[in-house]
């Protein structure tokens, strides 16, 4: 498995008004939704490949690595975000 360095946090833009701040947040949220959508598609492809190879659809060791990375960056709330993303990307378990 390839090790990747954690990306540096993108500095937040300075805002001069509540409206500017809300616009910046809306733009970030749009980007986050697009990234989560792309992650979902890639996750589904990986699950299909793993299943086609006779392996389990979900690898708990890999999920634990993801949770740990989010926790390191964002603390306990990062764990919650990671679990939500993983749940979304798993799709139906039936």
C-alpha atoms as a PDB file:
ATOM      1  CA  UNK A   1       0.000   0.000   0.000  1.00  0.00           C
ATOM      2  CA  UNK A   2       1.283   3.453  -0.891  1.00  0.00           C
ATOM      3  CA  UNK A   3       1.804   5.931   1.929  1.00  0.00           C
ATOM      4  CA  UNK A   4       0.624   9.448   1.254  1.00  0.00           C
ATOM      5  CA  UNK A   5       1.555  12.544   3.214  1.00  0.00           C
ATOM      6  CA  UNK A   6      -1.368  14.462   4.597  1.00  0.00           C
ATOM      7  CA  UNK A   7      -2.130  17.543   2.530  1.00  0.00           C
ATOM      8  CA  UNK A   8      -1.515  20.911   4.101  1.00  0.00           C
ATOM      9  CA  UNK A   9      -4.677  22.660   5.162  1.00  0.00           C
ATOM     10  CA  UNK A  10      -5.866  25.240   2.699  1.00  0.00           C
ATOM     11  CA  UNK A  11      -5.835  28.631   4.376  1.00  0.00           C
ATOM     12  CA  UNK A  12      -9.294  30.057   4.859  1.00  0.00           C
ATOM     13  CA  UNK A  13      -9.984  33.203   2.881  1.00  0.00           C
ATOM     14  CA  UNK A  14     -10.452  36.412   4.837  1.00  0.00           C
ATOM     15  CA  UNK A  15     -14.048  37.600   4.815  1.00  0.00           C
ATOM     16  CA  UNK A  16     -15.188  41.148   5.346  1.00  0.00           C
ATOM     17  CA  UNK A  17     -18.872  40.493   5.907  1.00  0.00           C
ATOM     18  CA  UNK A  18     -21.295  37.801   6.971  1.00  0.00           C
ATOM     19  CA  UNK A  19     -22.561  37.583   3.379  1.00  0.00           C
ATOM     20  CA  UNK A  20     -19.009  37.067   2.077  1.00  0.00           C
ATOM     21  CA  UNK A  21     -18.411  34.414   4.700  1.00  0.00           C
ATOM     22  CA  UNK A  22     -21.616  32.600   3.845  1.00  0.00           C
ATOM     23  CA  UNK A  23     -20.772  32.715   0.147  1.00  0.00           C
ATOM     24  CA  UNK A  24     -17.330  31.251   0.864  1.00  0.00           C
ATOM     25  CA  UNK A  25     -18.899  28.482   2.974  1.00  0.00           C
ATOM     26  CA  UNK A  26     -21.445  27.731   0.219  1.00  0.00           C
ATOM     27  CA  UNK A  27     -18.619  27.407  -2.310  1.00  0.00           C
ATOM     28  CA  UNK A  28     -16.677  25.084  -0.001  1.00  0.00           C
ATOM     29  CA  UNK A  29     -19.800  22.995   0.618  1.00  0.00           C
ATOM     30  CA  UNK A  30     -20.338  22.663  -3.142  1.00  0.00           C
ATOM     31  CA  UNK A  31     -16.751  21.424  -3.527  1.00  0.00           C
ATOM     32  CA  UNK A  32     -17.145  19.010  -0.607  1.00  0.00           C
ATOM     33  CA  UNK A  33     -20.310  17.497  -2.096  1.00  0.00           C
ATOM     34  CA  UNK A  34     -18.563  17.030  -5.444  1.00  0.00           C
ATOM     35  CA  UNK A  35     -15.569  15.367  -3.767  1.00  0.00           C
ATOM     36  CA  UNK A  36     -17.778  13.062  -1.705  1.00  0.00           C
ATOM     37  CA  UNK A  37     -19.687  12.146  -4.878  1.00  0.00           C
ATOM     38  CA  UNK A  38     -16.435  11.272  -6.650  1.00  0.00           C
ATOM     39  CA  UNK A  39     -15.294   9.273  -3.609  1.00  0.00           C
ATOM     40  CA  UNK A  40     -18.596   7.377  -3.630  1.00  0.00           C
ATOM     41  CA  UNK A  41     -18.152   6.414  -7.288  1.00  0.00           C
ATOM     42  CA  UNK A  42     -14.562   5.262  -6.755  1.00  0.00           C
ATOM     43  CA  UNK A  43     -15.563   3.316  -3.640  1.00  0.00           C
ATOM     44  CA  UNK A  44     -18.291   1.509  -5.574  1.00  0.00           C
ATOM     45  CA  UNK A  45     -15.769   0.566  -8.272  1.00  0.00           C
ATOM     46  CA  UNK A  46     -13.312  -0.764  -5.690  1.00  0.00           C
ATOM     47  CA  UNK A  47     -16.058  -2.775  -3.988  1.00  0.00           C
ATOM     48  CA  UNK A  48     -17.074  -4.302  -7.321  1.00  0.00           C
ATOM     49  CA  UNK A  49     -13.454  -5.193  -8.162  1.00  0.00           C
ATOM     50  CA  UNK A  50     -12.904  -6.720  -4.733  1.00  0.00           C
ATOM     51  CA  UNK A  51     -16.114  -8.758  -5.002  1.00  0.00           C
ATOM     52  CA  UNK A  52     -15.186  -9.914  -8.509  1.00  0.00           C
ATOM     53  CA  UNK A  53     -11.876 -11.177  -7.093  1.00  0.00           C
ATOM     54  CA  UNK A  54     -13.782 -13.148  -4.454  1.00  0.00           C
ATOM     55  CA  UNK A  55     -12.843 -10.853  -1.599  1.00  0.00           C
ATOM     56  CA  UNK A  56     -15.052  -9.083   0.900  1.00  0.00           C
ATOM     57  CA  UNK A  57     -16.802  -5.927  -0.240  1.00  0.00           C
ATOM     58  CA  UNK A  58     -15.644  -4.084   2.876  1.00  0.00           C
ATOM     59  CA  UNK A  59     -12.166  -4.177   4.412  1.00  0.00           C
ATOM     60  CA  UNK A  60     -12.360  -3.135   8.044  1.00  0.00           C
ATOM     61  CA  UNK A  61      -8.587  -2.637   8.336  1.00  0.00           C
ATOM     62  CA  UNK A  62      -8.714  -0.088   5.517  1.00  0.00           C
ATOM     63  CA  UNK A  63     -11.714   1.648   7.089  1.00  0.00           C
ATOM     64  CA  UNK A  64      -9.825   1.899  10.388  1.00  0.00           C
ATOM     65  CA  UNK A  65      -6.926   3.580   8.554  1.00  0.00           C
ATOM     66  CA  UNK A  66      -9.343   6.126   7.102  1.00  0.00           C
ATOM     67  CA  UNK A  67     -10.948   6.808  10.493  1.00  0.00           C
ATOM     68  CA  UNK A  68      -7.523   7.248  12.083  1.00  0.00           C
ATOM     69  CA  UNK A  69      -6.449   9.754   9.427  1.00  0.00           C
ATOM     70  CA  UNK A  70      -9.605  11.839   9.926  1.00  0.00           C
ATOM     71  CA  UNK A  71      -9.163  11.659  13.697  1.00  0.00           C
ATOM     72  CA  UNK A  72      -5.560  12.848  13.470  1.00  0.00           C
ATOM     73  CA  UNK A  73      -6.568  15.856  11.400  1.00  0.00           C
ATOM     74  CA  UNK A  74      -9.834  16.848  13.085  1.00  0.00           C
ATOM     75  CA  UNK A  75     -10.068  15.048  16.419  1.00  0.00           C
ATOM     76  CA  UNK A  76     -13.254  13.323  17.613  1.00  0.00           C
ATOM     77  CA  UNK A  77     -15.435  15.185  15.116  1.00  0.00           C
ATOM     78  CA  UNK A  78     -13.183  13.849  12.379  1.00  0.00           C
ATOM     79  CA  UNK A  79     -14.136  10.328  13.468  1.00  0.00           C
ATOM     80  CA  UNK A  80     -17.802  11.231  13.068  1.00  0.00           C
ATOM     81  CA  UNK A  81     -17.190  12.631   9.586  1.00  0.00           C
ATOM     82  CA  UNK A  82     -15.170   9.566   8.561  1.00  0.00           C
ATOM     83  CA  UNK A  83     -17.883   7.203   9.778  1.00  0.00           C
ATOM     84  CA  UNK A  84     -20.536   9.150   7.893  1.00  0.00           C
ATOM     85  CA  UNK A  85     -18.524   9.114   4.675  1.00  0.00           C
ATOM     86  CA  UNK A  86     -17.731   5.414   5.025  1.00  0.00           C
ATOM     87  CA  UNK A  87     -21.385   4.603   5.674  1.00  0.00           C
ATOM     88  CA  UNK A  88     -22.447   6.603   2.628  1.00  0.00           C
ATOM     89  CA  UNK A  89     -19.807   5.014   0.393  1.00  0.00           C
ATOM     90  CA  UNK A  90     -20.558   1.455   1.489  1.00  0.00           C
ATOM     91  CA  UNK A  91     -24.009   1.622  -0.021  1.00  0.00           C
ATOM     92  CA  UNK A  92     -26.514  -1.069   0.780  1.00  0.00           C
ATOM     93  CA  UNK A  93     -25.074  -3.945   2.759  1.00  0.00           C
ATOM     94  CA  UNK A  94     -27.732  -6.349   1.515  1.00  0.00           C
END
